Amino acid sequence: MRELTNAGFENRGGKGSHRNFRHPDGVNITISGRAGNDAKHYQIRDVKRAIELVSDD
């Protein structure tokens, strides 16, 4: 997800349709679904929360 990489998260790969992102501040998030698929509402919420966590510092 572009928003995560723009916020400084690194895509660390994953198994199958899962992608793991890690921020240098220690925040982790896992996104399921193939690249290019529409994100579920809860995934969008989780991404926004993860970005807020790192931007509050």
PDB file of N, CA and C in Angstrom:
ATOM      1  N   MET A   1       0.831  -1.178   0.000  1.00  0.00           N
ATOM      2  CA  MET A   1       0.000   0.000   0.000  1.00  0.00           C
ATOM      3  C   MET A   1       0.872   1.236   0.000  1.00  0.00           C
ATOM      4  N   ARG A   2       0.549   2.101  -0.870  1.00  0.00           N
ATOM      5  CA  ARG A   2       1.343   3.312  -1.067  1.00  0.00           C
ATOM      6  C   ARG A   2       1.375   4.181   0.186  1.00  0.00           C
ATOM      7  N   GLU A   3       0.255   4.272   0.903  1.00  0.00           N
ATOM      8  CA  GLU A   3       0.208   5.114   2.095  1.00  0.00           C
ATOM      9  C   GLU A   3       1.222   4.650   3.147  1.00  0.00           C
ATOM     10  N   LEU A   4       1.357   3.338   3.281  1.00  0.00           N
ATOM     11  CA  LEU A   4       2.310   2.806   4.266  1.00  0.00           C
ATOM     12  C   LEU A   4       3.748   3.119   3.878  1.00  0.00           C
ATOM     13  N   THR A   5       4.093   2.906   2.626  1.00  0.00           N
ATOM     14  CA  THR A   5       5.476   3.180   2.214  1.00  0.00           C
ATOM     15  C   THR A   5       5.778   4.670   2.278  1.00  0.00           C
ATOM     16  N   ASN A   6       4.797   5.513   1.982  1.00  0.00           N
ATOM     17  CA  ASN A   6       5.003   6.960   2.092  1.00  0.00           C
ATOM     18  C   ASN A   6       5.206   7.384   3.539  1.00  0.00           C
ATOM     19  N   ALA A   7       4.633   6.630   4.478  1.00  0.00           N
ATOM     20  CA  ALA A   7       4.774   6.942   5.904  1.00  0.00           C
ATOM     21  C   ALA A   7       6.051   6.345   6.494  1.00  0.00           C
ATOM     22  N   GLY A   8       6.844   5.648   5.686  1.00  0.00           N
ATOM     23  CA  GLY A   8       8.115   5.112   6.162  1.00  0.00           C
ATOM     24  C   GLY A   8       8.105   3.638   6.493  1.00  0.00           C
ATOM     25  N   PHE A   9       7.010   2.933   6.210  1.00  0.00           N
ATOM     26  CA  PHE A   9       6.946   1.503   6.466  1.00  0.00           C
ATOM     27  C   PHE A   9       7.696   0.754   5.372  1.00  0.00           C
ATOM     28  N   GLU A  10       8.302  -0.356   5.751  1.00  0.00           N
ATOM     29  CA  GLU A  10       9.037  -1.200   4.811  1.00  0.00           C
ATOM     30  C   GLU A  10       8.250  -2.485   4.592  1.00  0.00           C
ATOM     31  N   ASN A  11       8.057  -2.856   3.333  1.00  0.00           N
ATOM     32  CA  ASN A  11       7.373  -4.106   3.006  1.00  0.00           C
ATOM     33  C   ASN A  11       8.359  -5.237   3.226  1.00  0.00           C
ATOM     34  N   ARG A  12       8.049  -6.099   4.187  1.00  0.00           N
ATOM     35  CA  ARG A  12       8.948  -7.201   4.517  1.00  0.00           C
ATOM     36  C   ARG A  12       8.481  -8.511   3.916  1.00  0.00           C
ATOM     37  N   GLY A  13       7.583  -8.446   2.942  1.00  0.00           N
ATOM     38  CA  GLY A  13       7.103  -9.655   2.286  1.00  0.00           C
ATOM     39  C   GLY A  13       6.069 -10.365   3.125  1.00  0.00           C
ATOM     40  N   GLY A  14       5.837 -11.608   2.834  1.00  0.00           N
ATOM     41  CA  GLY A  14       4.863 -12.388   3.581  1.00  0.00           C
ATOM     42  C   GLY A  14       4.591 -13.696   2.863  1.00  0.00           C
ATOM     43  N   LYS A  15       3.678 -14.483   3.424  1.00  0.00           N
ATOM     44  CA  LYS A  15       3.326 -15.768   2.825  1.00  0.00           C
ATOM     45  C   LYS A  15       1.988 -15.648   2.118  1.00  0.00           C
ATOM     46  N   GLY A  16       1.924 -16.205   0.943  1.00  0.00           N
ATOM     47  CA  GLY A  16       0.660 -16.203   0.209  1.00  0.00           C
ATOM     48  C   GLY A  16       0.198 -14.794  -0.095  1.00  0.00           C
ATOM     49  N   SER A  17      -1.026 -14.491   0.316  1.00  0.00           N
ATOM     50  CA  SER A  17      -1.595 -13.190   0.005  1.00  0.00           C
ATOM     51  C   SER A  17      -1.396 -12.184   1.133  1.00  0.00           C
ATOM     52  N   HIS A  18      -0.511 -12.461   2.067  1.00  0.00           N
ATOM     53  CA  HIS A  18      -0.268 -11.552   3.181  1.00  0.00           C
ATOM     54  C   HIS A  18       1.029 -10.780   2.959  1.00  0.00           C
ATOM     55  N   ARG A  19       0.992  -9.503   3.335  1.00  0.00           N
ATOM     56  CA  ARG A  19       2.185  -8.657   3.271  1.00  0.00           C
ATOM     57  C   ARG A  19       2.392  -8.036   4.635  1.00  0.00           C
ATOM     58  N   ASN A  20       3.622  -8.089   5.098  1.00  0.00           N
ATOM     59  CA  ASN A  20       3.974  -7.561   6.416  1.00  0.00           C
ATOM     60  C   ASN A  20       4.753  -6.268   6.241  1.00  0.00           C
ATOM     61  N   PHE A  21       4.317  -5.238   6.934  1.00  0.00           N
ATOM     62  CA  PHE A  21       4.982  -3.946   6.892  1.00  0.00           C
ATOM     63  C   PHE A  21       5.505  -3.623   8.284  1.00  0.00           C
ATOM     64  N   ARG A  22       6.710  -3.053   8.336  1.00  0.00           N
ATOM     65  CA  ARG A  22       7.321  -2.672   9.611  1.00  0.00           C
ATOM     66  C   ARG A  22       7.872  -1.264   9.489  1.00  0.00           C
ATOM     67  N   HIS A  23       7.649  -0.487  10.538  1.00  0.00           N
ATOM     68  CA  HIS A  23       8.175   0.872  10.603  1.00  0.00           C
ATOM     69  C   HIS A  23       9.394   0.859  11.517  1.00  0.00           C
ATOM     70  N   PRO A  24      10.392   1.698  11.267  1.00  0.00           N
ATOM     71  CA  PRO A  24      11.576   1.736  12.136  1.00  0.00           C
ATOM     72  C   PRO A  24      11.250   2.014  13.604  1.00  0.00           C
ATOM     73  N   ASP A  25      10.089   2.632  13.883  1.00  0.00           N
ATOM     74  CA  ASP A  25       9.687   2.896  15.262  1.00  0.00           C
ATOM     75  C   ASP A  25       9.127   1.658  15.952  1.00  0.00           C
ATOM     76  N   GLY A  26       9.014   0.534  15.225  1.00  0.00           N
ATOM     77  CA  GLY A  26       8.559  -0.709  15.819  1.00  0.00           C
ATOM     78  C   GLY A  26       7.100  -1.048  15.580  1.00  0.00           C
ATOM     79  N   VAL A  27       6.401  -0.258  14.798  1.00  0.00           N
ATOM     80  CA  VAL A  27       4.995  -0.531  14.499  1.00  0.00           C
ATOM     81  C   VAL A  27       4.919  -1.525  13.345  1.00  0.00           C
ATOM     82  N   ASN A  28       4.143  -2.598  13.532  1.00  0.00           N
ATOM     83  CA  ASN A  28       3.970  -3.628  12.508  1.00  0.00           C
ATOM     84  C   ASN A  28       2.510  -3.682  12.083  1.00  0.00           C
ATOM     85  N   ILE A  29       2.276  -4.021  10.819  1.00  0.00           N
ATOM     86  CA  ILE A  29       0.923  -4.232  10.320  1.00  0.00           C
ATOM     87  C   ILE A  29       0.990  -5.286   9.224  1.00  0.00           C
ATOM     88  N   THR A  30       0.002  -6.178   9.220  1.00  0.00           N
ATOM     89  CA  THR A  30      -0.105  -7.209   8.193  1.00  0.00           C
ATOM     90  C   THR A  30      -1.372  -6.949   7.391  1.00  0.00           C
ATOM     91  N   ILE A  31      -1.221  -6.942   6.076  1.00  0.00           N
ATOM     92  CA  ILE A  31      -2.342  -6.720   5.164  1.00  0.00           C
ATOM     93  C   ILE A  31      -2.553  -8.002   4.369  1.00  0.00           C
ATOM     94  N   SER A  32      -3.810  -8.448   4.306  1.00  0.00           N
ATOM     95  CA  SER A  32      -4.124  -9.643   3.527  1.00  0.00           C
ATOM     96  C   SER A  32      -4.774  -9.227   2.216  1.00  0.00           C
ATOM     97  N   GLY A  33      -4.738 -10.115   1.253  1.00  0.00           N
ATOM     98  CA  GLY A  33      -5.307  -9.837  -0.064  1.00  0.00           C
ATOM     99  C   GLY A  33      -4.211  -9.592  -1.081  1.00  0.00           C
ATOM    100  N   ARG A  34      -4.484  -9.968  -2.280  1.00  0.00           N
ATOM    101  CA  ARG A  34      -3.521  -9.781  -3.359  1.00  0.00           C
ATOM    102  C   ARG A  34      -3.355  -8.306  -3.693  1.00  0.00           C
ATOM    103  N   ALA A  35      -2.170  -7.944  -4.161  1.00  0.00           N
ATOM    104  CA  ALA A  35      -1.928  -6.577  -4.600  1.00  0.00           C
ATOM    105  C   ALA A  35      -2.890  -6.243  -5.739  1.00  0.00           C
ATOM    106  N   GLY A  36      -3.501  -5.100  -5.648  1.00  0.00           N
ATOM    107  CA  GLY A  36      -4.456  -4.688  -6.662  1.00  0.00           C
ATOM    108  C   GLY A  36      -5.897  -4.967  -6.288  1.00  0.00           C
ATOM    109  N   ASN A  37      -6.122  -5.837  -5.277  1.00  0.00           N
ATOM    110  CA  ASN A  37      -7.491  -6.074  -4.804  1.00  0.00           C
ATOM    111  C   ASN A  37      -7.959  -4.877  -3.989  1.00  0.00           C
ATOM    112  N   ASP A  38      -9.261  -4.673  -3.933  1.00  0.00           N
ATOM    113  CA  ASP A  38      -9.815  -3.624  -3.097  1.00  0.00           C
ATOM    114  C   ASP A  38      -9.628  -3.990  -1.633  1.00  0.00           C
ATOM    115  N   ALA A  39      -9.253  -3.007  -0.831  1.00  0.00           N
ATOM    116  CA  ALA A  39      -9.048  -3.240   0.599  1.00  0.00           C
ATOM    117  C   ALA A  39     -10.393  -3.285   1.312  1.00  0.00           C
ATOM    118  N   LYS A  40     -10.467  -4.107   2.337  1.00  0.00           N
ATOM    119  CA  LYS A  40     -11.657  -4.183   3.178  1.00  0.00           C
ATOM    120  C   LYS A  40     -11.687  -2.966   4.098  1.00  0.00           C
ATOM    121  N   HIS A  41     -12.872  -2.619   4.598  1.00  0.00           N
ATOM    122  CA  HIS A  41     -13.003  -1.426   5.439  1.00  0.00           C
ATOM    123  C   HIS A  41     -12.140  -1.519   6.698  1.00  0.00           C
ATOM    124  N   TYR A  42     -12.018  -2.710   7.280  1.00  0.00           N
ATOM    125  CA  TYR A  42     -11.212  -2.843   8.487  1.00  0.00           C
ATOM    126  C   TYR A  42      -9.721  -2.713   8.172  1.00  0.00           C
ATOM    127  N   GLN A  43      -9.310  -3.076   6.966  1.00  0.00           N
ATOM    128  CA  GLN A  43      -7.903  -2.921   6.595  1.00  0.00           C
ATOM    129  C   GLN A  43      -7.561  -1.440   6.437  1.00  0.00           C
ATOM    130  N   ILE A  44      -8.457  -0.689   5.845  1.00  0.00           N
ATOM    131  CA  ILE A  44      -8.241   0.751   5.692  1.00  0.00           C
ATOM    132  C   ILE A  44      -8.130   1.404   7.064  1.00  0.00           C
ATOM    133  N   ARG A  45      -9.012   1.010   7.983  1.00  0.00           N
ATOM    134  CA  ARG A  45      -8.993   1.542   9.349  1.00  0.00           C
ATOM    135  C   ARG A  45      -7.663   1.214  10.024  1.00  0.00           C
ATOM    136  N   ASP A  46      -7.198  -0.020   9.894  1.00  0.00           N
ATOM    137  CA  ASP A  46      -5.949  -0.433  10.532  1.00  0.00           C
ATOM    138  C   ASP A  46      -4.747   0.310   9.962  1.00  0.00           C
ATOM    139  N   VAL A  47      -4.745   0.546   8.661  1.00  0.00           N
ATOM    140  CA  VAL A  47      -3.644   1.290   8.032  1.00  0.00           C
ATOM    141  C   VAL A  47      -3.622   2.717   8.556  1.00  0.00           C
ATOM    142  N   LYS A  48      -4.788   3.347   8.646  1.00  0.00           N
ATOM    143  CA  LYS A  48      -4.853   4.722   9.161  1.00  0.00           C
ATOM    144  C   LYS A  48      -4.352   4.786  10.601  1.00  0.00           C
ATOM    145  N   ARG A  49      -4.729   3.807  11.417  1.00  0.00           N
ATOM    146  CA  ARG A  49      -4.274   3.774  12.811  1.00  0.00           C
ATOM    147  C   ARG A  49      -2.767   3.605  12.902  1.00  0.00           C
ATOM    148  N   ALA A  50      -2.204   2.730  12.072  1.00  0.00           N
ATOM    149  CA  ALA A  50      -0.761   2.492  12.093  1.00  0.00           C
ATOM    150  C   ALA A  50      -0.005   3.764  11.692  1.00  0.00           C
ATOM    151  N   ILE A  51      -0.515   4.465  10.701  1.00  0.00           N
ATOM    152  CA  ILE A  51       0.134   5.704  10.258  1.00  0.00           C
ATOM    153  C   ILE A  51       0.032   6.767  11.343  1.00  0.00           C
ATOM    154  N   GLU A  52      -1.117   6.834  12.023  1.00  0.00           N
ATOM    155  CA  GLU A  52      -1.275   7.792  13.123  1.00  0.00           C
ATOM    156  C   GLU A  52      -0.305   7.502  14.254  1.00  0.00           C
ATOM    157  N   LEU A  53      -0.063   6.226  14.536  1.00  0.00           N
ATOM    158  CA  LEU A  53       0.870   5.858  15.611  1.00  0.00           C
ATOM    159  C   LEU A  53       2.268   6.383  15.340  1.00  0.00           C
ATOM    160  N   VAL A  54       2.714   6.286  14.113  1.00  0.00           N
ATOM    161  CA  VAL A  54       4.081   6.718  13.815  1.00  0.00           C
ATOM    162  C   VAL A  54       4.160   8.226  13.604  1.00  0.00           C
ATOM    163  N   SER A  55       3.058   8.869  13.225  1.00  0.00           N
ATOM    164  CA  SER A  55       3.089  10.304  12.994  1.00  0.00           C
ATOM    165  C   SER A  55       2.914  11.091  14.292  1.00  0.00           C
ATOM    166  N   ASP A  56       2.439  10.423  15.365  1.00  0.00           N
ATOM    167  CA  ASP A  56       2.285  11.097  16.655  1.00  0.00           C
ATOM    168  C   ASP A  56       3.617  11.346  17.336  1.00  0.00           C
ATOM    169  N   ASP A  57       4.628  10.580  16.961  1.00  0.00           N
ATOM    170  CA  ASP A  57       5.939  10.702  17.616  1.00  0.00           C
ATOM    171  C   ASP A  57       6.650  11.973  17.251  1.00  0.00           C
TER     172      ASP A  57
END
